[in-house]
PDB file of all heavy atoms in Angstrom:
ATOM      1  N   VAL A   1     -15.914  -9.214  16.074  1.00  0.00           N
ATOM      2  CA  VAL A   1     -16.406  -7.911  16.526  1.00  0.00           C
ATOM      3  C   VAL A   1     -17.228  -7.242  15.429  1.00  0.00           C
ATOM      4  O   VAL A   1     -18.281  -6.649  15.688  1.00  0.00           O
ATOM      5  CB  VAL A   1     -15.214  -7.020  16.936  1.00  0.00           C
ATOM      6  CG1 VAL A   1     -15.671  -5.601  17.192  1.00  0.00           C
ATOM      7  CG2 VAL A   1     -14.545  -7.579  18.188  1.00  0.00           C
ATOM      8  N   ARG A   2     -16.784  -7.363  14.191  1.00  0.00           N
ATOM      9  CA  ARG A   2     -17.495  -6.729  13.071  1.00  0.00           C
ATOM     10  C   ARG A   2     -18.876  -7.350  12.877  1.00  0.00           C
ATOM     11  O   ARG A   2     -19.859  -6.642  12.638  1.00  0.00           O
ATOM     12  CB  ARG A   2     -16.665  -6.871  11.795  1.00  0.00           C
ATOM     13  CG  ARG A   2     -17.277  -6.172  10.588  1.00  0.00           C
ATOM     14  CD  ARG A   2     -16.462  -6.417   9.339  1.00  0.00           C
ATOM     15  NE  ARG A   2     -15.149  -5.813   9.410  1.00  0.00           N
ATOM     16  CZ  ARG A   2     -14.021  -6.485   9.633  1.00  0.00           C
ATOM     17  NH1 ARG A   2     -14.057  -7.810   9.804  1.00  0.00           N
ATOM     18  NH2 ARG A   2     -12.862  -5.864   9.692  1.00  0.00           N
ATOM     19  N   GLU A   3     -18.964  -8.651  12.976  1.00  0.00           N
ATOM     20  CA  GLU A   3     -20.234  -9.330  12.755  1.00  0.00           C
ATOM     21  C   GLU A   3     -21.194  -9.174  13.933  1.00  0.00           C
ATOM     22  O   GLU A   3     -22.401  -9.346  13.774  1.00  0.00           O
ATOM     23  CB  GLU A   3     -19.996 -10.818  12.494  1.00  0.00           C
ATOM     24  CG  GLU A   3     -19.244 -11.106  11.199  1.00  0.00           C
ATOM     25  CD  GLU A   3     -20.031 -10.680   9.975  1.00  0.00           C
ATOM     26  OE1 GLU A   3     -21.264 -10.769  10.014  1.00  0.00           O
ATOM     27  OE2 GLU A   3     -19.401 -10.258   8.984  1.00  0.00           O
ATOM     28  N   ALA A   4     -20.662  -8.846  15.113  1.00  0.00           N
ATOM     29  CA  ALA A   4     -21.513  -8.786  16.307  1.00  0.00           C
ATOM     30  C   ALA A   4     -22.580  -7.710  16.186  1.00  0.00           C
ATOM     31  O   ALA A   4     -23.735  -7.916  16.581  1.00  0.00           O
ATOM     32  CB  ALA A   4     -20.647  -8.546  17.549  1.00  0.00           C
ATOM     33  N   PHE A   5     -22.219  -6.532  15.663  1.00  0.00           N
ATOM     34  CA  PHE A   5     -23.173  -5.407  15.573  1.00  0.00           C
ATOM     35  C   PHE A   5     -23.263  -4.881  14.146  1.00  0.00           C
ATOM     36  O   PHE A   5     -23.355  -3.673  13.919  1.00  0.00           O
ATOM     37  CB  PHE A   5     -22.739  -4.278  16.525  1.00  0.00           C
ATOM     38  CG  PHE A   5     -22.378  -4.751  17.902  1.00  0.00           C
ATOM     39  CD1 PHE A   5     -21.095  -4.593  18.389  1.00  0.00           C
ATOM     40  CD2 PHE A   5     -23.315  -5.377  18.703  1.00  0.00           C
ATOM     41  CE1 PHE A   5     -20.747  -5.032  19.654  1.00  0.00           C
ATOM     42  CE2 PHE A   5     -22.990  -5.824  19.966  1.00  0.00           C
ATOM     43  CZ  PHE A   5     -21.697  -5.650  20.441  1.00  0.00           C
ATOM     44  N   LYS A   6     -23.201  -5.773  13.193  1.00  0.00           N
ATOM     45  CA  LYS A   6     -23.215  -5.368  11.787  1.00  0.00           C
ATOM     46  C   LYS A   6     -24.521  -4.669  11.426  1.00  0.00           C
ATOM     47  O   LYS A   6     -25.594  -5.043  11.902  1.00  0.00           O
ATOM     48  CB  LYS A   6     -23.011  -6.596  10.906  1.00  0.00           C
ATOM     49  CG  LYS A   6     -22.720  -6.255   9.450  1.00  0.00           C
ATOM     50  CD  LYS A   6     -22.374  -7.502   8.659  1.00  0.00           C
ATOM     51  CE  LYS A   6     -22.027  -7.157   7.210  1.00  0.00           C
ATOM     52  NZ  LYS A   6     -21.696  -8.374   6.439  1.00  0.00           N
ATOM     53  N   ASN A   7     -24.395  -3.612  10.599  1.00  0.00           N
ATOM     54  CA  ASN A   7     -25.522  -2.810  10.111  1.00  0.00           C
ATOM     55  C   ASN A   7     -26.251  -2.056  11.229  1.00  0.00           C
ATOM     56  O   ASN A   7     -27.402  -1.648  11.042  1.00  0.00           O
ATOM     57  CB  ASN A   7     -26.523  -3.682   9.342  1.00  0.00           C
ATOM     58  CG  ASN A   7     -25.922  -4.278   8.084  1.00  0.00           C
ATOM     59  OD1 ASN A   7     -25.063  -3.661   7.448  1.00  0.00           O
ATOM     60  ND2 ASN A   7     -26.345  -5.470   7.720  1.00  0.00           N
ATOM     61  N   ARG A   8     -25.601  -1.852  12.350  1.00  0.00           N
ATOM     62  CA  ARG A   8     -26.185  -1.059  13.433  1.00  0.00           C
ATOM     63  C   ARG A   8     -25.415   0.237  13.578  1.00  0.00           C
ATOM     64  O   ARG A   8     -24.174   0.242  13.519  1.00  0.00           O
ATOM     65  CB  ARG A   8     -26.142  -1.840  14.744  1.00  0.00           C
ATOM     66  CG  ARG A   8     -27.144  -2.969  14.828  1.00  0.00           C
ATOM     67  CD  ARG A   8     -27.194  -3.544  16.231  1.00  0.00           C
ATOM     68  NE  ARG A   8     -27.490  -2.528  17.240  1.00  0.00           N
ATOM     69  CZ  ARG A   8     -27.571  -2.788  18.542  1.00  0.00           C
ATOM     70  NH1 ARG A   8     -27.379  -4.020  18.979  1.00  0.00           N
ATOM     71  NH2 ARG A   8     -27.842  -1.825  19.395  1.00  0.00           N
ATOM     72  N   PRO A   9     -26.110   1.366  13.791  1.00  0.00           N
ATOM     73  CA  PRO A   9     -25.393   2.617  14.041  1.00  0.00           C
ATOM     74  C   PRO A   9     -24.581   2.529  15.333  1.00  0.00           C
ATOM     75  O   PRO A   9     -24.995   1.866  16.304  1.00  0.00           O
ATOM     76  CB  PRO A   9     -26.512   3.655  14.155  1.00  0.00           C
ATOM     77  CG  PRO A   9     -27.700   3.037  13.491  1.00  0.00           C
ATOM     78  CD  PRO A   9     -27.568   1.561  13.704  1.00  0.00           C
ATOM     79  N   VAL A  10     -23.438   3.198  15.340  1.00  0.00           N
ATOM     80  CA  VAL A  10     -22.563   3.133  16.512  1.00  0.00           C
ATOM     81  C   VAL A  10     -23.277   3.696  17.739  1.00  0.00           C
ATOM     82  O   VAL A  10     -23.136   3.190  18.848  1.00  0.00           O
ATOM     83  CB  VAL A  10     -21.259   3.902  16.235  1.00  0.00           C
ATOM     84  CG1 VAL A  10     -20.344   3.863  17.449  1.00  0.00           C
ATOM     85  CG2 VAL A  10     -20.546   3.308  15.029  1.00  0.00           C
ATOM     86  N   ARG A  11     -24.081   4.748  17.535  1.00  0.00           N
ATOM     87  CA  ARG A  11     -24.765   5.385  18.661  1.00  0.00           C
ATOM     88  C   ARG A  11     -25.791   4.472  19.329  1.00  0.00           C
ATOM     89  O   ARG A  11     -26.160   4.687  20.482  1.00  0.00           O
ATOM     90  CB  ARG A  11     -25.469   6.664  18.192  1.00  0.00           C
ATOM     91  CG  ARG A  11     -24.511   7.779  17.756  1.00  0.00           C
ATOM     92  CD  ARG A  11     -25.275   8.919  17.142  1.00  0.00           C
ATOM     93  NE  ARG A  11     -24.407  10.013  16.725  1.00  0.00           N
ATOM     94  CZ  ARG A  11     -24.153  11.078  17.451  1.00  0.00           C
ATOM     95  NH1 ARG A  11     -24.726  11.213  18.633  1.00  0.00           N
ATOM     96  NH2 ARG A  11     -23.340  12.029  17.020  1.00  0.00           N
ATOM     97  N   SER A  12     -26.262   3.470  18.612  1.00  0.00           N
ATOM     98  CA  SER A  12     -27.324   2.617  19.160  1.00  0.00           C
ATOM     99  C   SER A  12     -26.797   1.457  19.989  1.00  0.00           C
ATOM    100  O   SER A  12     -27.576   0.740  20.611  1.00  0.00           O
ATOM    101  CB  SER A  12     -28.179   2.060  18.018  1.00  0.00           C
ATOM    102  OG  SER A  12     -27.432   1.146  17.225  1.00  0.00           O
ATOM    103  N   ILE A  13     -25.490   1.250  20.020  1.00  0.00           N
ATOM    104  CA  ILE A  13     -24.919   0.101  20.733  1.00  0.00           C
ATOM    105  C   ILE A  13     -24.746   0.470  22.200  1.00  0.00           C
ATOM    106  O   ILE A  13     -24.142   1.491  22.535  1.00  0.00           O
ATOM    107  CB  ILE A  13     -23.567  -0.299  20.112  1.00  0.00           C
ATOM    108  CG1 ILE A  13     -23.754  -0.645  18.631  1.00  0.00           C
ATOM    109  CG2 ILE A  13     -22.964  -1.486  20.857  1.00  0.00           C
ATOM    110  CD1 ILE A  13     -22.468  -0.887  17.892  1.00  0.00           C
ATOM    111  N   THR A  14     -25.255  -0.357  23.081  1.00  0.00           N
ATOM    112  CA  THR A  14     -25.214  -0.101  24.512  1.00  0.00           C
ATOM    113  C   THR A  14     -24.340  -1.145  25.205  1.00  0.00           C
ATOM    114  O   THR A  14     -23.902  -2.126  24.586  1.00  0.00           O
ATOM    115  CB  THR A  14     -26.631  -0.135  25.108  1.00  0.00           C
ATOM    116  OG1 THR A  14     -27.191  -1.457  24.924  1.00  0.00           O
ATOM    117  CG2 THR A  14     -27.524   0.897  24.412  1.00  0.00           C
ATOM    118  N   TYR A  15     -24.154  -0.926  26.501  1.00  0.00           N
ATOM    119  CA  TYR A  15     -23.341  -1.883  27.249  1.00  0.00           C
ATOM    120  C   TYR A  15     -24.037  -3.232  27.358  1.00  0.00           C
ATOM    121  O   TYR A  15     -23.378  -4.276  27.470  1.00  0.00           O
ATOM    122  CB  TYR A  15     -23.007  -1.317  28.630  1.00  0.00           C
ATOM    123  CG  TYR A  15     -24.147  -1.304  29.617  1.00  0.00           C
ATOM    124  CD1 TYR A  15     -24.403  -2.401  30.439  1.00  0.00           C
ATOM    125  CD2 TYR A  15     -24.984  -0.196  29.724  1.00  0.00           C
ATOM    126  CE1 TYR A  15     -25.449  -2.386  31.350  1.00  0.00           C
ATOM    127  CE2 TYR A  15     -26.031  -0.174  30.625  1.00  0.00           C
ATOM    128  CZ  TYR A  15     -26.258  -1.267  31.434  1.00  0.00           C
ATOM    129  OH  TYR A  15     -27.301  -1.260  32.319  1.00  0.00           O
ATOM    130  N   GLU A  16     -25.392  -3.259  27.327  1.00  0.00           N
ATOM    131  CA  GLU A  16     -26.090  -4.539  27.342  1.00  0.00           C
ATOM    132  C   GLU A  16     -25.755  -5.363  26.098  1.00  0.00           C
ATOM    133  O   GLU A  16     -25.626  -6.588  26.164  1.00  0.00           O
ATOM    134  CB  GLU A  16     -27.601  -4.327  27.429  1.00  0.00           C
ATOM    135  CG  GLU A  16     -28.079  -3.749  28.756  1.00  0.00           C
ATOM    136  CD  GLU A  16     -28.248  -2.249  28.679  1.00  0.00           C
ATOM    137  OE1 GLU A  16     -27.638  -1.644  27.764  1.00  0.00           O
ATOM    138  OE2 GLU A  16     -28.973  -1.682  29.519  1.00  0.00           O
ATOM    139  N   ASP A  17     -25.614  -4.680  24.951  1.00  0.00           N
ATOM    140  CA  ASP A  17     -25.262  -5.387  23.720  1.00  0.00           C
ATOM    141  C   ASP A  17     -23.856  -5.981  23.817  1.00  0.00           C
ATOM    142  O   ASP A  17     -23.625  -7.117  23.384  1.00  0.00           O
ATOM    143  CB  ASP A  17     -25.346  -4.427  22.531  1.00  0.00           C
ATOM    144  CG  ASP A  17     -26.737  -3.853  22.338  1.00  0.00           C
ATOM    145  OD1 ASP A  17     -27.706  -4.589  22.581  1.00  0.00           O
ATOM    146  OD2 ASP A  17     -26.852  -2.672  21.958  1.00  0.00           O
ATOM    147  N   VAL A  18     -22.920  -5.225  24.371  1.00  0.00           N
ATOM    148  CA  VAL A  18     -21.553  -5.733  24.507  1.00  0.00           C
ATOM    149  C   VAL A  18     -21.515  -6.904  25.477  1.00  0.00           C
ATOM    150  O   VAL A  18     -20.797  -7.891  25.262  1.00  0.00           O
ATOM    151  CB  VAL A  18     -20.617  -4.597  24.965  1.00  0.00           C
ATOM    152  CG1 VAL A  18     -19.188  -5.108  25.093  1.00  0.00           C
ATOM    153  CG2 VAL A  18     -20.662  -3.423  23.988  1.00  0.00           C
ATOM    154  N   TRP A  19     -22.292  -6.804  26.538  1.00  0.00           N
ATOM    155  CA  TRP A  19     -22.336  -7.891  27.522  1.00  0.00           C
ATOM    156  C   TRP A  19     -22.892  -9.166  26.881  1.00  0.00           C
ATOM    157  O   TRP A  19     -22.364 -10.266  27.088  1.00  0.00           O
ATOM    158  CB  TRP A  19     -23.192  -7.476  28.720  1.00  0.00           C
ATOM    159  CG  TRP A  19     -22.961  -8.307  29.946  1.00  0.00           C
ATOM    160  CD1 TRP A  19     -22.426  -9.556  30.002  1.00  0.00           C
ATOM    161  CD2 TRP A  19     -23.251  -7.932  31.289  1.00  0.00           C
ATOM    162  NE1 TRP A  19     -22.353  -9.996  31.308  1.00  0.00           N
ATOM    163  CE2 TRP A  19     -22.859  -9.021  32.125  1.00  0.00           C
ATOM    164  CE3 TRP A  19     -23.802  -6.811  31.892  1.00  0.00           C
ATOM    165  CZ2 TRP A  19     -22.999  -8.997  33.494  1.00  0.00           C
ATOM    166  CZ3 TRP A  19     -23.940  -6.790  33.268  1.00  0.00           C
ATOM    167  CH2 TRP A  19     -23.546  -7.858  34.067  1.00  0.00           C
ATOM    168  N   ALA A  20     -23.958  -9.029  26.092  1.00  0.00           N
ATOM    169  CA  ALA A  20     -24.530 -10.199  25.419  1.00  0.00           C
ATOM    170  C   ALA A  20     -23.538 -10.799  24.422  1.00  0.00           C
ATOM    171  O   ALA A  20     -23.448 -12.033  24.273  1.00  0.00           O
ATOM    172  CB  ALA A  20     -25.820  -9.798  24.709  1.00  0.00           C
ATOM    173  N   PHE A  21     -22.789  -9.946  23.745  1.00  0.00           N
ATOM    174  CA  PHE A  21     -21.765 -10.425  22.810  1.00  0.00           C
ATOM    175  C   PHE A  21     -20.679 -11.201  23.557  1.00  0.00           C
ATOM    176  O   PHE A  21     -20.220 -12.254  23.109  1.00  0.00           O
ATOM    177  CB  PHE A  21     -21.169  -9.227  22.071  1.00  0.00           C
ATOM    178  CG  PHE A  21     -19.950  -9.546  21.254  1.00  0.00           C
ATOM    179  CD1 PHE A  21     -19.950 -10.585  20.330  1.00  0.00           C
ATOM    180  CD2 PHE A  21     -18.789  -8.793  21.405  1.00  0.00           C
ATOM    181  CE1 PHE A  21     -18.814 -10.863  19.582  1.00  0.00           C
ATOM    182  CE2 PHE A  21     -17.665  -9.074  20.669  1.00  0.00           C
ATOM    183  CZ  PHE A  21     -17.677 -10.113  19.754  1.00  0.00           C
ATOM    184  N   HIS A  22     -20.287 -10.711  24.715  1.00  0.00           N
ATOM    185  CA  HIS A  22     -19.270 -11.404  25.520  1.00  0.00           C
ATOM    186  C   HIS A  22     -19.776 -12.762  25.983  1.00  0.00           C
ATOM    187  O   HIS A  22     -19.030 -13.754  25.973  1.00  0.00           O
ATOM    188  CB  HIS A  22     -18.900 -10.519  26.714  1.00  0.00           C
ATOM    189  CG  HIS A  22     -17.794 -11.071  27.558  1.00  0.00           C
ATOM    190  ND1 HIS A  22     -18.012 -11.641  28.790  1.00  0.00           N
ATOM    191  CD2 HIS A  22     -16.459 -11.146  27.344  1.00  0.00           C
ATOM    192  CE1 HIS A  22     -16.860 -12.039  29.301  1.00  0.00           C
ATOM    193  NE2 HIS A  22     -15.898 -11.749  28.450  1.00  0.00           N
ATOM    194  N   LYS A  23     -21.038 -12.829  26.374  1.00  0.00           N
ATOM    195  CA  LYS A  23     -21.599 -14.107  26.814  1.00  0.00           C
ATOM    196  C   LYS A  23     -21.687 -15.113  25.669  1.00  0.00           C
ATOM    197  O   LYS A  23     -21.555 -16.319  25.887  1.00  0.00           O
ATOM    198  CB  LYS A  23     -22.991 -13.886  27.404  1.00  0.00           C
ATOM    199  CG  LYS A  23     -22.994 -13.223  28.774  1.00  0.00           C
ATOM    200  CD  LYS A  23     -24.416 -13.090  29.301  1.00  0.00           C
ATOM    201  CE  LYS A  23     -24.426 -12.475  30.696  1.00  0.00           C
ATOM    202  NZ  LYS A  23     -25.811 -12.327  31.221  1.00  0.00           N
ATOM    203  N   SER A  24     -21.911 -14.627  24.456  1.00  0.00           N
ATOM    204  CA  SER A  24     -22.031 -15.540  23.315  1.00  0.00           C
ATOM    205  C   SER A  24     -20.710 -16.237  22.996  1.00  0.00           C
ATOM    206  O   SER A  24     -20.705 -17.234  22.272  1.00  0.00           O
ATOM    207  CB  SER A  24     -22.520 -14.772  22.081  1.00  0.00           C
ATOM    208  OG  SER A  24     -21.546 -13.836  21.644  1.00  0.00           O
ATOM    209  N   LEU A  25     -19.603 -15.723  23.517  1.00  0.00           N
ATOM    210  CA  LEU A  25     -18.291 -16.327  23.272  1.00  0.00           C
ATOM    211  C   LEU A  25     -17.775 -17.043  24.512  1.00  0.00           C
ATOM    212  O   LEU A  25     -16.573 -17.106  24.753  1.00  0.00           O
ATOM    213  CB  LEU A  25     -17.288 -15.241  22.851  1.00  0.00           C
ATOM    214  CG  LEU A  25     -17.617 -14.456  21.578  1.00  0.00           C
ATOM    215  CD1 LEU A  25     -16.597 -13.356  21.353  1.00  0.00           C
ATOM    216  CD2 LEU A  25     -17.669 -15.376  20.365  1.00  0.00           C
ATOM    217  N   SER A  26     -18.679 -17.582  25.310  1.00  0.00           N
ATOM    218  CA  SER A  26     -18.280 -18.225  26.564  1.00  0.00           C
ATOM    219  C   SER A  26     -17.427 -19.468  26.334  1.00  0.00           C
ATOM    220  O   SER A  26     -16.677 -19.883  27.218  1.00  0.00           O
ATOM    221  CB  SER A  26     -19.524 -18.597  27.376  1.00  0.00           C
ATOM    222  OG  SER A  26     -20.364 -19.467  26.631  1.00  0.00           O
ATOM    223  N   ASP A  27     -17.522 -20.073  25.139  1.00  0.00           N
ATOM    224  CA  ASP A  27     -16.701 -21.248  24.859  1.00  0.00           C
ATOM    225  C   ASP A  27     -15.290 -20.866  24.437  1.00  0.00           C
ATOM    226  O   ASP A  27     -14.419 -21.731  24.302  1.00  0.00           O
ATOM    227  CB  ASP A  27     -17.354 -22.096  23.763  1.00  0.00           C
ATOM    228  CG  ASP A  27     -17.601 -21.295  22.493  1.00  0.00           C
ATOM    229  OD1 ASP A  27     -17.770 -20.057  22.596  1.00  0.00           O
ATOM    230  OD2 ASP A  27     -17.634 -21.890  21.402  1.00  0.00           O
ATOM    231  N   ARG A  28     -15.061 -19.571  24.191  1.00  0.00           N
ATOM    232  CA  ARG A  28     -13.723 -19.072  23.840  1.00  0.00           C
ATOM    233  C   ARG A  28     -13.393 -17.905  24.773  1.00  0.00           C
ATOM    234  O   ARG A  28     -13.468 -16.748  24.374  1.00  0.00           O
ATOM    235  CB  ARG A  28     -13.690 -18.624  22.377  1.00  0.00           C
ATOM    236  CG  ARG A  28     -13.851 -19.761  21.384  1.00  0.00           C
ATOM    237  CD  ARG A  28     -14.062 -19.258  19.986  1.00  0.00           C
ATOM    238  NE  ARG A  28     -15.440 -18.860  19.747  1.00  0.00           N
ATOM    239  CZ  ARG A  28     -15.895 -18.403  18.593  1.00  0.00           C
ATOM    240  NH1 ARG A  28     -15.081 -18.289  17.569  1.00  0.00           N
ATOM    241  NH2 ARG A  28     -17.162 -18.065  18.458  1.00  0.00           N
ATOM    242  N   LYS A  29     -13.080 -18.235  25.987  1.00  0.00           N
ATOM    243  CA  LYS A  29     -12.979 -17.222  27.038  1.00  0.00           C
ATOM    244  C   LYS A  29     -11.902 -16.186  26.746  1.00  0.00           C
ATOM    245  O   LYS A  29     -12.116 -14.976  26.908  1.00  0.00           O
ATOM    246  CB  LYS A  29     -12.725 -17.891  28.384  1.00  0.00           C
ATOM    247  CG  LYS A  29     -13.900 -18.736  28.888  1.00  0.00           C
ATOM    248  CD  LYS A  29     -13.595 -19.346  30.225  1.00  0.00           C
ATOM    249  CE  LYS A  29     -14.835 -20.030  30.815  1.00  0.00           C
ATOM    250  NZ  LYS A  29     -15.405 -21.037  29.930  1.00  0.00           N
ATOM    251  N   ARG A  30     -10.738 -16.615  26.329  1.00  0.00           N
ATOM    252  CA  ARG A  30      -9.667 -15.660  26.068  1.00  0.00           C
ATOM    253  C   ARG A  30     -10.027 -14.734  24.911  1.00  0.00           C
ATOM    254  O   ARG A  30      -9.848 -13.519  24.986  1.00  0.00           O
ATOM    255  CB  ARG A  30      -8.361 -16.395  25.769  1.00  0.00           C
ATOM    256  CG  ARG A  30      -7.221 -15.450  25.384  1.00  0.00           C
ATOM    257  CD  ARG A  30      -5.904 -16.169  25.232  1.00  0.00           C
ATOM    258  NE  ARG A  30      -4.883 -15.293  24.707  1.00  0.00           N
ATOM    259  CZ  ARG A  30      -4.241 -14.361  25.415  1.00  0.00           C
ATOM    260  NH1 ARG A  30      -4.521 -14.205  26.694  1.00  0.00           N
ATOM    261  NH2 ARG A  30      -3.325 -13.607  24.852  1.00  0.00           N
ATOM    262  N   GLN A  31     -10.558 -15.311  23.841  1.00  0.00           N
ATOM    263  CA  GLN A  31     -10.925 -14.490  22.691  1.00  0.00           C
ATOM    264  C   GLN A  31     -12.091 -13.567  23.029  1.00  0.00           C
ATOM    265  O   GLN A  31     -12.167 -12.447  22.519  1.00  0.00           O
ATOM    266  CB  GLN A  31     -11.279 -15.374  21.500  1.00  0.00           C
ATOM    267  CG  GLN A  31     -11.380 -14.590  20.187  1.00  0.00           C
ATOM    268  CD  GLN A  31     -11.421 -15.503  18.993  1.00  0.00           C
ATOM    269  OE1 GLN A  31     -12.014 -16.577  19.042  1.00  0.00           O
ATOM    270  NE2 GLN A  31     -10.788 -15.097  17.902  1.00  0.00           N
ATOM    271  N   ALA A  32     -12.984 -14.013  23.897  1.00  0.00           N
ATOM    272  CA  ALA A  32     -14.088 -13.149  24.323  1.00  0.00           C
ATOM    273  C   ALA A  32     -13.560 -11.911  25.036  1.00  0.00           C
ATOM    274  O   ALA A  32     -14.022 -10.791  24.792  1.00  0.00           O
ATOM    275  CB  ALA A  32     -15.035 -13.928  25.233  1.00  0.00           C
ATOM    276  N   ASN A  33     -12.578 -12.082  25.896  1.00  0.00           N
ATOM    277  CA  ASN A  33     -11.990 -10.937  26.601  1.00  0.00           C
ATOM    278  C   ASN A  33     -11.263 -10.012  25.638  1.00  0.00           C
ATOM    279  O   ASN A  33     -11.327  -8.787  25.770  1.00  0.00           O
ATOM    280  CB  ASN A  33     -11.038 -11.430  27.687  1.00  0.00           C
ATOM    281  CG  ASN A  33     -11.745 -12.203  28.788  1.00  0.00           C
ATOM    282  OD1 ASN A  33     -12.956 -12.070  28.964  1.00  0.00           O
ATOM    283  ND2 ASN A  33     -11.011 -13.010  29.518  1.00  0.00           N
ATOM    284  N   VAL A  34     -10.569 -10.599  24.656  1.00  0.00           N
ATOM    285  CA  VAL A  34      -9.859  -9.782  23.671  1.00  0.00           C
ATOM    286  C   VAL A  34     -10.854  -8.966  22.842  1.00  0.00           C
ATOM    287  O   VAL A  34     -10.622  -7.783  22.559  1.00  0.00           O
ATOM    288  CB  VAL A  34      -8.996 -10.680  22.764  1.00  0.00           C
ATOM    289  CG1 VAL A  34      -8.417  -9.876  21.599  1.00  0.00           C
ATOM    290  CG2 VAL A  34      -7.864 -11.308  23.567  1.00  0.00           C
ATOM    291  N   CYS A  35     -11.975  -9.563  22.461  1.00  0.00           N
ATOM    292  CA  CYS A  35     -12.975  -8.857  21.658  1.00  0.00           C
ATOM    293  C   CYS A  35     -13.558  -7.665  22.420  1.00  0.00           C
ATOM    294  O   CYS A  35     -13.768  -6.596  21.842  1.00  0.00           O
ATOM    295  CB  CYS A  35     -14.092  -9.818  21.260  1.00  0.00           C
ATOM    296  SG  CYS A  35     -13.619 -11.033  20.003  1.00  0.00           S
ATOM    297  N   VAL A  36     -13.805  -7.830  23.711  1.00  0.00           N
ATOM    298  CA  VAL A  36     -14.349  -6.718  24.496  1.00  0.00           C
ATOM    299  C   VAL A  36     -13.330  -5.589  24.598  1.00  0.00           C
ATOM    300  O   VAL A  36     -13.674  -4.401  24.508  1.00  0.00           O
ATOM    301  CB  VAL A  36     -14.772  -7.217  25.891  1.00  0.00           C
ATOM    302  CG1 VAL A  36     -15.147  -6.051  26.790  1.00  0.00           C
ATOM    303  CG2 VAL A  36     -15.957  -8.165  25.768  1.00  0.00           C
ATOM    304  N   GLN A  37     -12.058  -5.928  24.773  1.00  0.00           N
ATOM    305  CA  GLN A  37     -11.026  -4.894  24.840  1.00  0.00           C
ATOM    306  C   GLN A  37     -10.887  -4.160  23.503  1.00  0.00           C
ATOM    307  O   GLN A  37     -10.647  -2.955  23.465  1.00  0.00           O
ATOM    308  CB  GLN A  37      -9.690  -5.512  25.244  1.00  0.00           C
ATOM    309  CG  GLN A  37      -9.649  -6.017  26.679  1.00  0.00           C
ATOM    310  CD  GLN A  37      -9.993  -4.932  27.682  1.00  0.00           C
ATOM    311  OE1 GLN A  37      -9.516  -3.799  27.592  1.00  0.00           O
ATOM    312  NE2 GLN A  37     -10.846  -5.265  28.639  1.00  0.00           N
ATOM    313  N   LEU A  38     -11.036  -4.884  22.391  1.00  0.00           N
ATOM    314  CA  LEU A  38     -11.010  -4.231  21.083  1.00  0.00           C
ATOM    315  C   LEU A  38     -12.202  -3.288  20.931  1.00  0.00           C
ATOM    316  O   LEU A  38     -12.070  -2.185  20.380  1.00  0.00           O
ATOM    317  CB  LEU A  38     -11.017  -5.285  19.974  1.00  0.00           C
ATOM    318  CG  LEU A  38      -9.713  -6.065  19.777  1.00  0.00           C
ATOM    319  CD1 LEU A  38      -9.924  -7.185  18.769  1.00  0.00           C
ATOM    320  CD2 LEU A  38      -8.596  -5.146  19.312  1.00  0.00           C
ATOM    321  N   CYS A  39     -13.376  -3.710  21.405  1.00  0.00           N
ATOM    322  CA  CYS A  39     -14.548  -2.830  21.367  1.00  0.00           C
ATOM    323  C   CYS A  39     -14.286  -1.554  22.168  1.00  0.00           C
ATOM    324  O   CYS A  39     -14.683  -0.455  21.748  1.00  0.00           O
ATOM    325  CB  CYS A  39     -15.774  -3.552  21.924  1.00  0.00           C
ATOM    326  SG  CYS A  39     -16.441  -4.853  20.870  1.00  0.00           S
ATOM    327  N   LYS A  40     -13.619  -1.686  23.297  1.00  0.00           N
ATOM    328  CA  LYS A  40     -13.325  -0.516  24.123  1.00  0.00           C
ATOM    329  C   LYS A  40     -12.466   0.483  23.376  1.00  0.00           C
ATOM    330  O   LYS A  40     -12.720   1.695  23.394  1.00  0.00           O
ATOM    331  CB  LYS A  40     -12.632  -0.962  25.411  1.00  0.00           C
ATOM    332  CG  LYS A  40     -12.281   0.182  26.351  1.00  0.00           C
ATOM    333  CD  LYS A  40     -11.663  -0.329  27.626  1.00  0.00           C
ATOM    334  CE  LYS A  40     -11.334   0.845  28.565  1.00  0.00           C
ATOM    335  NZ  LYS A  40     -10.753   0.342  29.847  1.00  0.00           N
ATOM    336  N   VAL A  41     -11.431  -0.006  22.683  1.00  0.00           N
ATOM    337  CA  VAL A  41     -10.544   0.887  21.935  1.00  0.00           C
ATOM    338  C   VAL A  41     -11.294   1.533  20.770  1.00  0.00           C
ATOM    339  O   VAL A  41     -11.114   2.722  20.483  1.00  0.00           O
ATOM    340  CB  VAL A  41      -9.313   0.111  21.436  1.00  0.00           C
ATOM    341  CG1 VAL A  41      -8.397   1.019  20.623  1.00  0.00           C
ATOM    342  CG2 VAL A  41      -8.546  -0.481  22.612  1.00  0.00           C
ATOM    343  N   ILE A  42     -12.155   0.771  20.099  1.00  0.00           N
ATOM    344  CA  ILE A  42     -12.903   1.322  18.959  1.00  0.00           C
ATOM    345  C   ILE A  42     -13.869   2.403  19.426  1.00  0.00           C
ATOM    346  O   ILE A  42     -13.973   3.473  18.819  1.00  0.00           O
ATOM    347  CB  ILE A  42     -13.647   0.191  18.223  1.00  0.00           C
ATOM    348  CG1 ILE A  42     -12.639  -0.766  17.577  1.00  0.00           C
ATOM    349  CG2 ILE A  42     -14.591   0.760  17.165  1.00  0.00           C
ATOM    350  CD1 ILE A  42     -13.265  -2.011  16.978  1.00  0.00           C
ATOM    351  N   PHE A  43     -14.605   2.160  20.521  1.00  0.00           N
ATOM    352  CA  PHE A  43     -15.507   3.183  21.059  1.00  0.00           C
ATOM    353  C   PHE A  43     -14.729   4.426  21.492  1.00  0.00           C
ATOM    354  O   PHE A  43     -15.211   5.558  21.318  1.00  0.00           O
ATOM    355  CB  PHE A  43     -16.293   2.620  22.240  1.00  0.00           C
ATOM    356  CG  PHE A  43     -17.461   1.763  21.851  1.00  0.00           C
ATOM    357  CD1 PHE A  43     -17.549   0.443  22.263  1.00  0.00           C
ATOM    358  CD2 PHE A  43     -18.482   2.277  21.070  1.00  0.00           C
ATOM    359  CE1 PHE A  43     -18.626  -0.350  21.911  1.00  0.00           C
ATOM    360  CE2 PHE A  43     -19.564   1.492  20.706  1.00  0.00           C
ATOM    361  CZ  PHE A  43     -19.634   0.182  21.125  1.00  0.00           C
ATOM    362  N   LYS A  44     -13.560   4.235  22.048  1.00  0.00           N
ATOM    363  CA  LYS A  44     -12.745   5.375  22.483  1.00  0.00           C
ATOM    364  C   LYS A  44     -12.349   6.240  21.303  1.00  0.00           C
ATOM    365  O   LYS A  44     -12.392   7.471  21.372  1.00  0.00           O
ATOM    366  CB  LYS A  44     -11.512   4.862  23.222  1.00  0.00           C
ATOM    367  CG  LYS A  44     -10.631   5.966  23.785  1.00  0.00           C
ATOM    368  CD  LYS A  44      -9.455   5.372  24.555  1.00  0.00           C
ATOM    369  CE  LYS A  44      -8.570   6.492  25.116  1.00  0.00           C
ATOM    370  NZ  LYS A  44      -7.411   5.914  25.861  1.00  0.00           N
TER     371      LYS A  44
END
């Protein structure tokens, strides 16, 4: 999760970026879902 949007302001991250990050982990489906849920808690 840290490396996915490194050096980017939090305000600039959109749902398209999170979706692309989720797709990049298609070979690790369970971990991809966990990473998105962690992003949700961090944004909250």
